Amino acid sequence: MSKPQYDKETDESLVEYYRNSHDLVYIGELYLRYTKLVYGVSMKYLQNEDDAQDATMSVFEKLITELKKHQVTAFRPWLYMVVKNYCMMEFRKSNKQRKSEADLKIVTANNVEMPTDLHLENRDDKEMVLKQLEQGMQQLKEDQKICLQLFYIENKSYKEIVEKTNYTVNEVKSHIQNGKRNLKNYMTENNG
């Protein structure tokens, strides 16, 4: 049960309190609020209860260091991306065959959904697709690659990308949109 003094605090306030104090009580409060969400997302991607439970604990342990490094302005979507990225890494490392693989969406750290006509029967097929995604990233124009990396992998905002790259906001949005489209086209062409 949440402690009453934190009930009215926003997630972002708790994150800021944690960043300033490094007091784990704030992570504990976020854990209470988001355990079910993290577990649910983990189940969606890992398709295994034990793996999802392990992922839930690992993600919250990871928050202890990640929240010190990142300025988080919208906690819930940021947490969702952390969980998704964690599950993808676990998925890549795993040697287990997953249940209901036809229903499992392969989503890269770049947040590009795979074409629905791909039939991934085993771990080797999945590794091949991940390798093709990496190759597809290398085929992108440098500005698209940089913007996708900063936005999806490093979870930077448009403003942060503008500051880091000196592109305009419209250029950043365009590079992200075009990069996603080009990556999806590359994957479709190389799996068709």
N, C-alpha and C. Protein backbone atom coordinates (compact mmCIF):
# COMPACT_ATOMS: atom_id res chain seq x y z
N MET A 1 0.84 -1.19 0.00
CA MET A 1 0.00 0.00 0.00
C MET A 1 0.88 1.24 0.00
N SER A 2 0.55 2.22 -0.79
CA SER A 2 1.34 3.44 -0.89
C SER A 2 1.29 4.21 0.42
N LYS A 3 2.42 4.82 0.76
CA LYS A 3 2.42 5.68 1.94
C LYS A 3 1.63 6.93 1.60
N PRO A 4 0.75 7.37 2.50
CA PRO A 4 -0.12 8.51 2.20
C PRO A 4 0.64 9.76 1.76
N GLN A 5 1.85 10.01 2.30
CA GLN A 5 2.53 11.26 1.95
C GLN A 5 2.94 11.30 0.48
N TYR A 6 2.96 10.16 -0.22
CA TYR A 6 3.35 10.15 -1.63
C TYR A 6 2.17 10.02 -2.58
N ASP A 7 0.98 9.78 -2.06
CA ASP A 7 -0.19 9.55 -2.90
C ASP A 7 -0.46 10.69 -3.87
N LYS A 8 -0.25 11.92 -3.42
CA LYS A 8 -0.58 13.07 -4.26
C LYS A 8 0.60 13.52 -5.12
N GLU A 9 1.76 12.91 -4.96
CA GLU A 9 2.95 13.27 -5.74
C GLU A 9 2.86 12.67 -7.14
N THR A 10 3.27 13.43 -8.13
CA THR A 10 3.32 12.90 -9.49
C THR A 10 4.53 11.98 -9.62
N ASP A 11 4.50 11.14 -10.64
CA ASP A 11 5.64 10.26 -10.91
C ASP A 11 6.90 11.09 -11.13
N GLU A 12 6.74 12.18 -11.89
CA GLU A 12 7.88 13.03 -12.22
C GLU A 12 8.46 13.69 -10.97
N SER A 13 7.60 14.03 -10.01
CA SER A 13 8.09 14.60 -8.74
C SER A 13 8.90 13.56 -7.99
N LEU A 14 8.41 12.33 -7.94
CA LEU A 14 9.15 11.27 -7.26
C LEU A 14 10.51 11.05 -7.92
N VAL A 15 10.54 11.09 -9.25
CA VAL A 15 11.81 10.93 -9.97
C VAL A 15 12.76 12.05 -9.58
N GLU A 16 12.26 13.27 -9.54
CA GLU A 16 13.10 14.43 -9.20
C GLU A 16 13.60 14.32 -7.76
N TYR A 17 12.72 13.90 -6.84
CA TYR A 17 13.14 13.72 -5.44
C TYR A 17 14.26 12.68 -5.36
N TYR A 18 14.09 11.60 -6.13
CA TYR A 18 15.11 10.55 -6.13
C TYR A 18 16.43 11.07 -6.70
N ARG A 19 16.34 11.81 -7.82
CA ARG A 19 17.57 12.34 -8.44
C ARG A 19 18.32 13.26 -7.47
N ASN A 20 17.58 13.99 -6.65
CA ASN A 20 18.21 14.93 -5.71
C ASN A 20 18.74 14.25 -4.45
N SER A 21 18.05 13.21 -4.00
CA SER A 21 18.41 12.60 -2.71
C SER A 21 19.04 11.21 -2.81
N HIS A 22 18.77 10.52 -3.91
CA HIS A 22 19.17 9.11 -4.10
C HIS A 22 18.56 8.19 -3.04
N ASP A 23 17.46 8.64 -2.46
CA ASP A 23 16.75 7.86 -1.45
C ASP A 23 15.86 6.83 -2.16
N LEU A 24 16.10 5.56 -1.88
CA LEU A 24 15.38 4.48 -2.56
C LEU A 24 13.90 4.42 -2.23
N VAL A 25 13.45 5.17 -1.23
CA VAL A 25 12.03 5.18 -0.90
C VAL A 25 11.21 5.65 -2.10
N TYR A 26 11.78 6.55 -2.92
CA TYR A 26 11.06 7.06 -4.09
C TYR A 26 10.98 6.00 -5.19
N ILE A 27 12.04 5.23 -5.35
CA ILE A 27 12.00 4.11 -6.30
C ILE A 27 10.96 3.09 -5.81
N GLY A 28 10.92 2.88 -4.50
CA GLY A 28 9.94 1.97 -3.91
C GLY A 28 8.51 2.39 -4.22
N GLU A 29 8.25 3.69 -4.15
CA GLU A 29 6.91 4.19 -4.47
C GLU A 29 6.59 3.97 -5.94
N LEU A 30 7.55 4.23 -6.82
CA LEU A 30 7.34 3.99 -8.25
C LEU A 30 7.13 2.50 -8.52
N TYR A 31 7.85 1.67 -7.77
CA TYR A 31 7.68 0.22 -7.89
C TYR A 31 6.24 -0.17 -7.56
N LEU A 32 5.72 0.38 -6.46
CA LEU A 32 4.34 0.07 -6.07
C LEU A 32 3.36 0.51 -7.14
N ARG A 33 3.61 1.64 -7.76
CA ARG A 33 2.69 2.16 -8.78
C ARG A 33 2.77 1.39 -10.09
N TYR A 34 3.95 0.88 -10.44
CA TYR A 34 4.14 0.38 -11.80
C TYR A 34 4.54 -1.09 -11.91
N THR A 35 4.50 -1.84 -10.84
CA THR A 35 4.86 -3.26 -10.91
C THR A 35 4.00 -4.00 -11.93
N LYS A 36 2.70 -3.78 -11.89
CA LYS A 36 1.79 -4.50 -12.80
C LYS A 36 2.06 -4.12 -14.25
N LEU A 37 2.31 -2.84 -14.51
CA LEU A 37 2.59 -2.41 -15.88
C LEU A 37 3.87 -3.06 -16.39
N VAL A 38 4.93 -3.01 -15.59
CA VAL A 38 6.22 -3.57 -16.01
C VAL A 38 6.08 -5.07 -16.23
N TYR A 39 5.39 -5.75 -15.33
CA TYR A 39 5.18 -7.19 -15.49
C TYR A 39 4.38 -7.48 -16.76
N GLY A 40 3.32 -6.70 -16.99
CA GLY A 40 2.48 -6.91 -18.18
C GLY A 40 3.25 -6.72 -19.48
N VAL A 41 4.05 -5.67 -19.55
CA VAL A 41 4.85 -5.43 -20.75
C VAL A 41 5.88 -6.55 -20.92
N SER A 42 6.48 -6.95 -19.82
CA SER A 42 7.46 -8.04 -19.87
C SER A 42 6.82 -9.34 -20.37
N MET A 43 5.60 -9.64 -19.90
CA MET A 43 4.90 -10.83 -20.37
C MET A 43 4.61 -10.74 -21.87
N LYS A 44 4.23 -9.55 -22.30
CA LYS A 44 3.90 -9.35 -23.72
C LYS A 44 5.09 -9.72 -24.60
N TYR A 45 6.28 -9.33 -24.20
CA TYR A 45 7.45 -9.56 -25.04
C TYR A 45 8.17 -10.87 -24.74
N LEU A 46 8.21 -11.29 -23.49
CA LEU A 46 8.98 -12.49 -23.15
C LEU A 46 8.14 -13.76 -23.16
N GLN A 47 6.81 -13.63 -23.01
CA GLN A 47 5.89 -14.76 -23.09
C GLN A 47 6.21 -15.88 -22.10
N ASN A 48 6.72 -15.51 -20.92
CA ASN A 48 7.08 -16.51 -19.92
C ASN A 48 6.97 -15.85 -18.55
N GLU A 49 6.19 -16.44 -17.65
CA GLU A 49 5.93 -15.82 -16.34
C GLU A 49 7.21 -15.62 -15.53
N ASP A 50 8.06 -16.64 -15.46
CA ASP A 50 9.30 -16.52 -14.68
C ASP A 50 10.21 -15.44 -15.25
N ASP A 51 10.34 -15.43 -16.58
CA ASP A 51 11.17 -14.41 -17.22
C ASP A 51 10.60 -13.02 -16.99
N ALA A 52 9.27 -12.90 -17.03
CA ALA A 52 8.62 -11.60 -16.81
C ALA A 52 8.82 -11.12 -15.38
N GLN A 53 8.76 -12.05 -14.42
CA GLN A 53 9.01 -11.68 -13.02
C GLN A 53 10.45 -11.22 -12.84
N ASP A 54 11.39 -11.96 -13.44
CA ASP A 54 12.80 -11.56 -13.36
C ASP A 54 13.01 -10.20 -14.01
N ALA A 55 12.37 -9.99 -15.15
CA ALA A 55 12.51 -8.71 -15.86
C ALA A 55 11.97 -7.57 -15.01
N THR A 56 10.85 -7.79 -14.36
CA THR A 56 10.25 -6.75 -13.52
C THR A 56 11.22 -6.31 -12.43
N MET A 57 11.82 -7.27 -11.74
CA MET A 57 12.78 -6.93 -10.69
C MET A 57 14.01 -6.24 -11.28
N SER A 58 14.50 -6.75 -12.39
CA SER A 58 15.71 -6.19 -13.00
C SER A 58 15.49 -4.77 -13.49
N VAL A 59 14.31 -4.51 -14.05
CA VAL A 59 14.02 -3.16 -14.54
C VAL A 59 14.03 -2.17 -13.38
N PHE A 60 13.41 -2.53 -12.26
CA PHE A 60 13.40 -1.59 -11.14
C PHE A 60 14.79 -1.43 -10.52
N GLU A 61 15.59 -2.49 -10.55
CA GLU A 61 16.98 -2.35 -10.10
C GLU A 61 17.73 -1.40 -11.05
N LYS A 62 17.44 -1.52 -12.33
CA LYS A 62 18.08 -0.68 -13.34
C LYS A 62 17.71 0.80 -13.15
N LEU A 63 16.48 1.05 -12.68
CA LEU A 63 16.05 2.43 -12.47
C LEU A 63 16.93 3.16 -11.46
N ILE A 64 17.50 2.43 -10.53
CA ILE A 64 18.35 3.05 -9.51
C ILE A 64 19.48 3.83 -10.16
N THR A 65 20.07 3.28 -11.21
CA THR A 65 21.15 3.99 -11.90
C THR A 65 20.65 4.83 -13.07
N GLU A 66 19.66 4.33 -13.81
CA GLU A 66 19.19 5.04 -15.00
C GLU A 66 18.57 6.39 -14.67
N LEU A 67 17.83 6.47 -13.58
CA LEU A 67 17.18 7.73 -13.24
C LEU A 67 18.19 8.80 -12.82
N LYS A 68 19.37 8.37 -12.40
CA LYS A 68 20.43 9.33 -12.08
C LYS A 68 21.03 9.91 -13.35
N LYS A 69 20.99 9.15 -14.45
CA LYS A 69 21.64 9.55 -15.70
C LYS A 69 20.72 10.33 -16.62
N HIS A 70 19.41 10.08 -16.56
CA HIS A 70 18.48 10.65 -17.54
C HIS A 70 17.53 11.64 -16.91
N GLN A 71 17.31 12.74 -17.59
CA GLN A 71 16.28 13.70 -17.19
C GLN A 71 14.96 13.20 -17.76
N VAL A 72 14.08 12.73 -16.92
CA VAL A 72 12.83 12.10 -17.37
C VAL A 72 11.69 13.09 -17.16
N THR A 73 11.07 13.50 -18.26
CA THR A 73 9.96 14.45 -18.16
C THR A 73 8.60 13.78 -18.21
N ALA A 74 8.53 12.57 -18.72
CA ALA A 74 7.27 11.81 -18.76
C ALA A 74 7.63 10.37 -18.35
N PHE A 75 7.44 10.06 -17.08
CA PHE A 75 7.94 8.81 -16.52
C PHE A 75 7.31 7.57 -17.15
N ARG A 76 5.99 7.54 -17.26
CA ARG A 76 5.32 6.32 -17.72
C ARG A 76 5.80 5.89 -19.12
N PRO A 77 5.79 6.78 -20.14
CA PRO A 77 6.28 6.34 -21.46
C PRO A 77 7.77 5.99 -21.44
N TRP A 78 8.53 6.72 -20.63
CA TRP A 78 9.96 6.43 -20.53
C TRP A 78 10.17 5.04 -19.94
N LEU A 79 9.42 4.72 -18.88
CA LEU A 79 9.51 3.40 -18.25
C LEU A 79 9.12 2.31 -19.24
N TYR A 80 8.07 2.56 -20.02
CA TYR A 80 7.64 1.59 -21.03
C TYR A 80 8.79 1.28 -21.99
N MET A 81 9.50 2.31 -22.45
CA MET A 81 10.62 2.11 -23.37
C MET A 81 11.76 1.35 -22.68
N VAL A 82 12.02 1.65 -21.42
CA VAL A 82 13.07 0.93 -20.68
C VAL A 82 12.73 -0.55 -20.60
N VAL A 83 11.48 -0.86 -20.28
CA VAL A 83 11.04 -2.26 -20.17
C VAL A 83 11.15 -2.95 -21.53
N LYS A 84 10.67 -2.28 -22.56
CA LYS A 84 10.69 -2.87 -23.90
C LYS A 84 12.13 -3.14 -24.34
N ASN A 85 13.00 -2.18 -24.12
CA ASN A 85 14.41 -2.35 -24.50
C ASN A 85 15.07 -3.47 -23.68
N TYR A 86 14.75 -3.54 -22.41
CA TYR A 86 15.30 -4.60 -21.56
C TYR A 86 14.83 -5.97 -22.07
N CYS A 87 13.56 -6.09 -22.36
CA CYS A 87 13.02 -7.36 -22.84
C CYS A 87 13.66 -7.76 -24.17
N MET A 88 13.89 -6.79 -25.03
CA MET A 88 14.51 -7.10 -26.31
C MET A 88 15.92 -7.64 -26.10
N MET A 89 16.66 -7.03 -25.19
CA MET A 89 18.02 -7.52 -24.90
C MET A 89 17.96 -8.93 -24.31
N GLU A 90 17.03 -9.17 -23.41
CA GLU A 90 16.88 -10.50 -22.83
C GLU A 90 16.49 -11.51 -23.89
N PHE A 91 15.60 -11.08 -24.76
CA PHE A 91 15.15 -11.95 -25.84
C PHE A 91 16.33 -12.37 -26.71
N ARG A 92 17.20 -11.42 -27.01
CA ARG A 92 18.36 -11.72 -27.85
C ARG A 92 19.31 -12.69 -27.15
N LYS A 93 19.44 -12.57 -25.83
CA LYS A 93 20.37 -13.42 -25.09
C LYS A 93 19.82 -14.82 -24.84
N SER A 94 18.52 -14.93 -24.87
CA SER A 94 17.88 -16.18 -24.47
C SER A 94 18.07 -17.29 -25.49
N ASN A 95 18.24 -18.50 -24.98
CA ASN A 95 18.34 -19.68 -25.85
C ASN A 95 17.04 -20.46 -25.87
N LYS A 96 16.06 -19.98 -25.09
CA LYS A 96 14.81 -20.72 -24.97
C LYS A 96 13.90 -20.47 -26.16
N GLN A 97 13.15 -21.48 -26.50
CA GLN A 97 12.09 -21.33 -27.50
C GLN A 97 10.91 -20.65 -26.81
N ARG A 98 10.33 -19.64 -27.40
CA ARG A 98 9.22 -18.92 -26.79
C ARG A 98 7.88 -19.52 -27.24
N LYS A 99 6.91 -19.50 -26.30
CA LYS A 99 5.56 -19.92 -26.64
C LYS A 99 4.91 -18.85 -27.51
N SER A 100 4.03 -19.27 -28.36
CA SER A 100 3.26 -18.37 -29.22
C SER A 100 4.15 -17.40 -29.99
N GLU A 101 5.19 -17.90 -30.62
CA GLU A 101 6.13 -17.02 -31.32
C GLU A 101 5.47 -16.27 -32.46
N ALA A 102 4.46 -16.86 -33.06
CA ALA A 102 3.79 -16.15 -34.16
C ALA A 102 3.13 -14.87 -33.67
N ASP A 103 2.76 -14.82 -32.39
CA ASP A 103 2.11 -13.64 -31.83
C ASP A 103 3.10 -12.63 -31.27
N LEU A 104 4.36 -13.03 -31.14
CA LEU A 104 5.35 -12.14 -30.53
C LEU A 104 5.77 -11.09 -31.53
N LYS A 105 5.64 -9.84 -31.17
CA LYS A 105 6.10 -8.77 -32.05
C LYS A 105 7.57 -8.53 -31.76
N ILE A 106 8.36 -8.54 -32.80
CA ILE A 106 9.77 -8.22 -32.64
C ILE A 106 9.89 -6.71 -32.79
N VAL A 107 10.27 -6.07 -31.74
CA VAL A 107 10.43 -4.62 -31.77
C VAL A 107 11.86 -4.31 -31.38
N THR A 108 12.55 -3.56 -32.21
CA THR A 108 13.94 -3.23 -31.93
C THR A 108 14.03 -2.09 -30.95
N ALA A 109 15.21 -1.82 -30.52
CA ALA A 109 15.44 -0.67 -29.66
C ALA A 109 15.11 0.62 -30.39
N ASN A 110 15.00 0.53 -31.69
CA ASN A 110 14.66 1.71 -32.48
C ASN A 110 13.16 1.89 -32.62
N ASN A 111 12.37 1.01 -32.01
CA ASN A 111 10.92 1.13 -32.00
C ASN A 111 10.32 0.98 -33.39
N VAL A 112 10.93 0.19 -34.25
CA VAL A 112 10.39 -0.04 -35.58
C VAL A 112 9.74 -1.41 -35.58
N GLU A 113 8.43 -1.45 -35.80
CA GLU A 113 7.74 -2.73 -35.80
C GLU A 113 8.04 -3.48 -37.09
N MET A 114 8.18 -4.77 -36.95
CA MET A 114 8.55 -5.60 -38.08
C MET A 114 7.34 -5.84 -38.98
N PRO A 115 7.58 -6.06 -40.27
CA PRO A 115 6.48 -6.41 -41.16
C PRO A 115 5.75 -7.63 -40.64
N THR A 116 4.42 -7.62 -40.75
CA THR A 116 3.63 -8.69 -40.16
C THR A 116 3.73 -10.00 -40.93
N ASP A 117 4.26 -9.97 -42.15
CA ASP A 117 4.34 -11.21 -42.91
C ASP A 117 5.60 -12.02 -42.62
N LEU A 118 6.44 -11.54 -41.70
CA LEU A 118 7.63 -12.31 -41.35
C LEU A 118 7.21 -13.48 -40.46
N HIS A 119 7.66 -14.66 -40.78
CA HIS A 119 7.37 -15.82 -39.96
C HIS A 119 8.67 -16.24 -39.31
N LEU A 120 8.77 -16.02 -38.02
CA LEU A 120 10.01 -16.31 -37.31
C LEU A 120 9.82 -17.58 -36.50
N GLU A 121 10.30 -18.65 -37.05
CA GLU A 121 10.05 -19.96 -36.46
C GLU A 121 11.00 -20.31 -35.32
N ASN A 122 12.20 -19.76 -35.34
CA ASN A 122 13.14 -20.14 -34.29
C ASN A 122 14.09 -19.00 -33.98
N ARG A 123 14.95 -19.24 -33.01
CA ARG A 123 15.89 -18.22 -32.54
C ARG A 123 16.81 -17.76 -33.66
N ASP A 124 17.23 -18.67 -34.54
CA ASP A 124 18.11 -18.29 -35.64
C ASP A 124 17.44 -17.28 -36.57
N ASP A 125 16.13 -17.49 -36.84
CA ASP A 125 15.39 -16.54 -37.67
C ASP A 125 15.37 -15.16 -37.00
N LYS A 126 15.14 -15.15 -35.71
CA LYS A 126 15.07 -13.87 -34.98
C LYS A 126 16.43 -13.17 -35.00
N GLU A 127 17.48 -13.94 -34.79
CA GLU A 127 18.82 -13.35 -34.83
C GLU A 127 19.11 -12.77 -36.21
N MET A 128 18.65 -13.47 -37.26
CA MET A 128 18.85 -12.98 -38.62
C MET A 128 18.15 -11.64 -38.82
N VAL A 129 16.92 -11.54 -38.31
CA VAL A 129 16.17 -10.29 -38.44
C VAL A 129 16.87 -9.17 -37.68
N LEU A 130 17.33 -9.45 -36.48
CA LEU A 130 18.03 -8.42 -35.71
C LEU A 130 19.31 -7.97 -36.42
N LYS A 131 20.00 -8.91 -37.03
CA LYS A 131 21.20 -8.58 -37.80
C LYS A 131 20.84 -7.69 -38.99
N GLN A 132 19.71 -8.01 -39.65
CA GLN A 132 19.28 -7.20 -40.79
C GLN A 132 18.88 -5.79 -40.34
N LEU A 133 18.29 -5.69 -39.15
CA LEU A 133 17.96 -4.37 -38.62
C LEU A 133 19.22 -3.54 -38.40
N GLU A 134 20.23 -4.17 -37.84
CA GLU A 134 21.50 -3.47 -37.64
C GLU A 134 22.09 -3.03 -38.98
N GLN A 135 22.01 -3.91 -39.98
CA GLN A 135 22.50 -3.56 -41.32
C GLN A 135 21.66 -2.44 -41.91
N GLY A 136 20.34 -2.49 -41.70
CA GLY A 136 19.46 -1.45 -42.19
C GLY A 136 19.79 -0.10 -41.59
N MET A 137 20.12 -0.08 -40.30
CA MET A 137 20.52 1.17 -39.65
C MET A 137 21.76 1.75 -40.32
N GLN A 138 22.67 0.88 -40.71
CA GLN A 138 23.90 1.34 -41.36
C GLN A 138 23.63 1.93 -42.74
N GLN A 139 22.51 1.54 -43.37
CA GLN A 139 22.18 2.03 -44.70
C GLN A 139 21.54 3.42 -44.67
N LEU A 140 21.10 3.84 -43.51
CA LEU A 140 20.42 5.13 -43.40
C LEU A 140 21.41 6.28 -43.59
N LYS A 141 20.88 7.42 -44.01
CA LYS A 141 21.69 8.64 -44.06
C LYS A 141 22.13 8.94 -42.63
N GLU A 142 23.29 9.56 -42.51
CA GLU A 142 23.88 9.81 -41.19
C GLU A 142 22.93 10.61 -40.29
N ASP A 143 22.26 11.63 -40.84
CA ASP A 143 21.37 12.45 -40.01
C ASP A 143 20.18 11.63 -39.50
N GLN A 144 19.67 10.71 -40.32
CA GLN A 144 18.56 9.84 -39.89
C GLN A 144 19.04 8.88 -38.80
N LYS A 145 20.21 8.29 -39.02
CA LYS A 145 20.76 7.34 -38.06
C LYS A 145 20.98 8.03 -36.70
N ILE A 146 21.55 9.22 -36.72
CA ILE A 146 21.83 9.96 -35.49
C ILE A 146 20.52 10.27 -34.76
N CYS A 147 19.54 10.78 -35.49
CA CYS A 147 18.27 11.16 -34.85
C CYS A 147 17.52 9.94 -34.30
N LEU A 148 17.50 8.82 -35.03
CA LEU A 148 16.86 7.60 -34.52
C LEU A 148 17.56 7.12 -33.26
N GLN A 149 18.87 7.11 -33.28
CA GLN A 149 19.67 6.67 -32.13
C GLN A 149 19.34 7.53 -30.90
N LEU A 150 19.39 8.85 -31.09
CA LEU A 150 19.16 9.75 -29.95
C LEU A 150 17.72 9.66 -29.44
N PHE A 151 16.75 9.59 -30.36
CA PHE A 151 15.34 9.61 -29.96
C PHE A 151 14.89 8.30 -29.35
N TYR A 152 15.17 7.17 -30.02
CA TYR A 152 14.63 5.90 -29.56
C TYR A 152 15.53 5.15 -28.59
N ILE A 153 16.81 5.20 -28.81
CA ILE A 153 17.70 4.42 -27.95
C ILE A 153 18.11 5.22 -26.72
N GLU A 154 18.44 6.50 -26.92
CA GLU A 154 18.87 7.32 -25.78
C GLU A 154 17.71 8.10 -25.16
N ASN A 155 16.51 7.94 -25.73
CA ASN A 155 15.29 8.56 -25.19
C ASN A 155 15.41 10.08 -25.04
N LYS A 156 16.07 10.72 -25.98
CA LYS A 156 16.23 12.18 -25.96
C LYS A 156 14.96 12.83 -26.53
N SER A 157 14.65 13.99 -26.02
CA SER A 157 13.51 14.76 -26.55
C SER A 157 13.94 15.47 -27.82
N TYR A 158 12.96 16.01 -28.55
CA TYR A 158 13.29 16.79 -29.75
C TYR A 158 14.24 17.93 -29.37
N LYS A 159 13.91 18.60 -28.28
CA LYS A 159 14.72 19.75 -27.84
C LYS A 159 16.17 19.32 -27.57
N GLU A 160 16.33 18.20 -26.88
CA GLU A 160 17.69 17.71 -26.58
C GLU A 160 18.45 17.34 -27.86
N ILE A 161 17.73 16.77 -28.83
CA ILE A 161 18.37 16.41 -30.10
C ILE A 161 18.79 17.67 -30.85
N VAL A 162 17.92 18.68 -30.84
CA VAL A 162 18.25 19.96 -31.49
C VAL A 162 19.52 20.54 -30.88
N GLU A 163 19.59 20.53 -29.53
CA GLU A 163 20.76 21.08 -28.84
C GLU A 163 22.03 20.29 -29.17
N LYS A 164 21.88 18.99 -29.29
CA LYS A 164 23.05 18.13 -29.52
C LYS A 164 23.53 18.15 -30.97
N THR A 165 22.58 18.31 -31.91
CA THR A 165 22.94 18.18 -33.33
C THR A 165 22.94 19.49 -34.11
N ASN A 166 22.31 20.52 -33.54
CA ASN A 166 22.13 21.81 -34.24
C ASN A 166 21.17 21.71 -35.42
N TYR A 167 20.38 20.63 -35.53
CA TYR A 167 19.31 20.57 -36.50
C TYR A 167 18.15 21.39 -35.95
N THR A 168 17.24 21.82 -36.82
CA THR A 168 16.02 22.46 -36.35
C THR A 168 15.06 21.36 -35.87
N VAL A 169 14.02 21.77 -35.14
CA VAL A 169 13.02 20.80 -34.68
C VAL A 169 12.38 20.09 -35.87
N ASN A 170 12.05 20.86 -36.91
CA ASN A 170 11.43 20.25 -38.09
C ASN A 170 12.38 19.27 -38.77
N GLU A 171 13.68 19.59 -38.81
CA GLU A 171 14.65 18.66 -39.39
C GLU A 171 14.74 17.38 -38.57
N VAL A 172 14.74 17.52 -37.25
CA VAL A 172 14.80 16.34 -36.37
C VAL A 172 13.58 15.45 -36.63
N LYS A 173 12.39 16.04 -36.63
CA LYS A 173 11.17 15.25 -36.87
C LYS A 173 11.22 14.56 -38.24
N SER A 174 11.68 15.30 -39.24
CA SER A 174 11.78 14.75 -40.59
C SER A 174 12.78 13.60 -40.65
N HIS A 175 13.95 13.76 -40.03
CA HIS A 175 14.97 12.71 -40.03
C HIS A 175 14.45 11.44 -39.33
N ILE A 176 13.71 11.63 -38.23
CA ILE A 176 13.17 10.47 -37.51
C ILE A 176 12.11 9.77 -38.37
N GLN A 177 11.20 10.54 -38.93
CA GLN A 177 10.13 9.95 -39.75
C GLN A 177 10.71 9.25 -40.98
N ASN A 178 11.61 9.92 -41.69
CA ASN A 178 12.21 9.32 -42.88
C ASN A 178 13.08 8.12 -42.53
N GLY A 179 13.80 8.20 -41.42
CA GLY A 179 14.64 7.08 -40.99
C GLY A 179 13.81 5.85 -40.67
N LYS A 180 12.70 6.04 -39.96
CA LYS A 180 11.81 4.90 -39.64
C LYS A 180 11.26 4.28 -40.93
N ARG A 181 10.80 5.15 -41.85
CA ARG A 181 10.24 4.65 -43.11
C ARG A 181 11.31 3.89 -43.91
N ASN A 182 12.51 4.47 -44.01
CA ASN A 182 13.58 3.82 -44.77
C ASN A 182 14.00 2.50 -44.14
N LEU A 183 14.03 2.45 -42.81
CA LEU A 183 14.39 1.21 -42.12
C LEU A 183 13.33 0.14 -42.36
N LYS A 184 12.06 0.54 -42.29
CA LYS A 184 10.98 -0.42 -42.54
C LYS A 184 11.05 -0.91 -43.98
N ASN A 185 11.30 0.00 -44.94
CA ASN A 185 11.42 -0.39 -46.35
C ASN A 185 12.59 -1.36 -46.55
N TYR A 186 13.69 -1.08 -45.91
CA TYR A 186 14.87 -1.95 -46.00
C TYR A 186 14.52 -3.35 -45.51
N MET A 187 13.82 -3.42 -44.37
CA MET A 187 13.46 -4.72 -43.81
C MET A 187 12.48 -5.46 -44.73
N THR A 188 11.54 -4.74 -45.30
CA THR A 188 10.56 -5.38 -46.19
C THR A 188 11.26 -5.91 -47.44
N GLU A 189 12.13 -5.11 -48.03
CA GLU A 189 12.84 -5.52 -49.24
C GLU A 189 13.75 -6.73 -48.99
N ASN A 190 14.35 -6.80 -47.81
CA ASN A 190 15.29 -7.87 -47.52
C ASN A 190 14.64 -9.10 -46.91
N ASN A 191 13.32 -9.06 -46.77
CA ASN A 191 12.60 -10.23 -46.26
C ASN A 191 11.47 -10.63 -47.19
N GLY A 192 11.39 -9.97 -48.33
CA GLY A 192 10.27 -10.22 -49.21
C GLY A 192 10.50 -11.32 -50.19
